[in-house]
Protein backbone atom coordinates (compact mmCIF):
# COMPACT_ATOMS: atom_id res chain seq x y z
CA MET A 1 -17.54 36.71 -14.73
CA ARG A 2 -17.23 33.00 -15.44
CA VAL A 3 -15.21 33.20 -18.26
CA LEU A 4 -12.54 35.03 -15.59
CA ILE A 5 -12.52 32.72 -12.98
CA ALA A 6 -12.14 29.37 -15.30
CA PRO A 7 -8.51 30.14 -16.44
CA PHE A 8 -7.74 30.87 -12.87
CA ILE A 9 -9.20 27.45 -11.48
CA LEU A 10 -7.05 25.98 -14.27
CA LEU A 11 -3.78 27.48 -13.17
CA ALA A 12 -4.49 27.20 -9.54
CA GLY A 13 -5.01 23.34 -10.07
CA LEU A 14 -1.25 23.32 -11.58
CA GLY A 15 0.41 23.89 -8.50
CA GLY A 16 -1.14 20.93 -6.79
CA PRO A 17 -0.35 17.57 -7.17
CA ALA A 18 1.24 18.32 -10.50
CA ALA A 19 4.21 19.86 -8.22
CA ALA A 20 5.36 16.82 -6.71
CA SER A 21 7.96 14.61 -8.36
CA ASP A 22 8.69 10.74 -8.18
CA ILE A 23 12.51 9.99 -7.65
CA HIS A 24 14.13 6.21 -7.59
CA LEU A 25 16.34 5.53 -5.16
CA ARG A 26 18.54 2.29 -4.30
CA LYS A 27 17.02 -0.77 -3.32
CA SER A 28 16.65 -0.93 0.28
CA THR A 29 15.50 -3.69 2.87
CA ALA A 30 12.19 -3.34 5.03
CA ASP A 31 14.43 -3.23 7.94
CA GLU A 32 16.46 -0.32 6.36
CA VAL A 33 13.27 1.85 5.54
CA LYS A 34 11.59 1.20 8.96
CA SER A 35 15.06 2.54 10.94
CA VAL A 36 14.84 5.60 8.95
CA CYS A 37 11.44 5.96 9.21
CA ALA A 38 11.72 5.79 12.89
CA LYS A 39 14.61 8.23 12.89
CA VAL A 40 12.84 10.88 10.90
CA GLY A 41 9.22 10.25 12.88
CA GLY A 42 7.51 9.05 10.31
CA ASN A 43 4.95 6.19 9.86
CA TYR A 44 6.20 3.14 8.76
CA THR A 45 3.64 0.68 6.84
CA GLN A 46 4.07 -3.00 4.98
CA ASP A 47 1.47 -4.78 2.80
CA ALA A 48 1.92 -7.86 0.69
CA HIS A 49 3.60 -5.75 -2.41
CA GLY A 50 6.18 -3.61 -0.36
CA TYR A 51 6.90 -1.10 2.45
CA GLY A 52 7.36 2.36 2.92
CA CYS A 53 7.09 5.12 5.55
CA GLY A 54 5.43 8.46 5.27
CA THR A 55 6.40 11.63 6.74
CA ASP A 56 4.97 15.58 6.80
CA CYS A 57 8.80 16.22 5.78
CA ASN A 58 9.19 17.98 9.18
CA GLY A 59 9.71 15.06 11.68
CA LYS A 60 6.06 14.01 12.21
CA PRO A 61 3.79 11.37 10.21
CA GLY A 62 1.87 12.35 7.30
CA THR A 63 2.24 12.20 3.26
CA ASP A 64 4.43 15.19 2.03
CA CYS A 65 7.21 12.86 1.84
CA VAL A 66 6.64 9.40 0.99
CA VAL A 67 9.03 6.55 0.41
CA TYR A 68 7.92 2.98 -0.87
CA CYS A 69 9.67 0.04 -2.20
CA LYS A 70 8.06 -2.87 -3.96
CA THR A 71 9.41 -6.20 -2.80
CA ASP A 72 12.81 -7.19 -4.30
CA ASP A 73 12.86 -3.98 -6.55
CA LYS A 74 14.10 -0.35 -6.26
CA CYS A 75 12.39 2.52 -3.98
CA THR A 76 10.31 5.07 -5.06
CA ALA A 77 10.20 8.69 -3.40
CA GLN A 78 7.59 11.34 -3.82
CA VAL A 79 8.61 14.63 -2.91
CA ILE A 80 7.12 18.11 -2.99
CA GLY A 81 9.09 20.72 -5.39
CA ALA A 82 12.25 20.51 -7.34
CA ARG A 83 13.99 18.23 -4.62
CA ARG A 84 15.95 15.75 -5.88
CA PRO A 85 16.84 13.39 -2.78
CA THR A 86 19.38 10.93 -2.85
CA SER A 87 18.97 8.85 -0.01
CA LEU A 88 15.49 7.31 2.37
CA GLN A 89 16.40 10.10 5.15
CA SER A 90 16.79 12.86 2.40
CA ALA A 91 13.58 11.96 1.07
CA LEU A 92 11.65 11.83 4.35
CA GLN A 93 12.54 15.04 5.69
CA ALA A 94 12.92 18.67 4.17
CA PRO A 95 16.34 19.86 4.13
CA ALA A 96 17.63 22.12 6.96
CA ARG A 97 17.27 25.62 6.18
CA HIS A 98 20.16 27.77 6.24
CA ALA A 99 20.84 30.96 8.39
CA ARG A 100 21.87 34.02 6.27
C-alpha cells in the first residue's frame, strides 16, 4: 500500500505552488500600486525594499494574486494558472467569466 501512496503524494504536490507563475510588469510607483490595490479590494504593503498588494483574486485581501515592486525597479506579479496579466489590475483580480 505504501508503494501506491508515494507516487500519488508526489503528483498531488505538483499542482500546488508549482502552478503559480511570475510575470514581469512595467515599473509602477507606490501611489499607482496603492490606488489599484484599493480599487480591487486588496491589502497594500510597503517596506524598505519596495511595495506591493495582495488579493484573493476576487475583491478581498489575500495572497492568491500578488504584485510586488522593488523600489526603482519593475514589478513582478505572481498569479495562479496560465494567466498572463499585462497590468496591475489584471494581475490582482481574476478575469470576468463570460456567460455562454
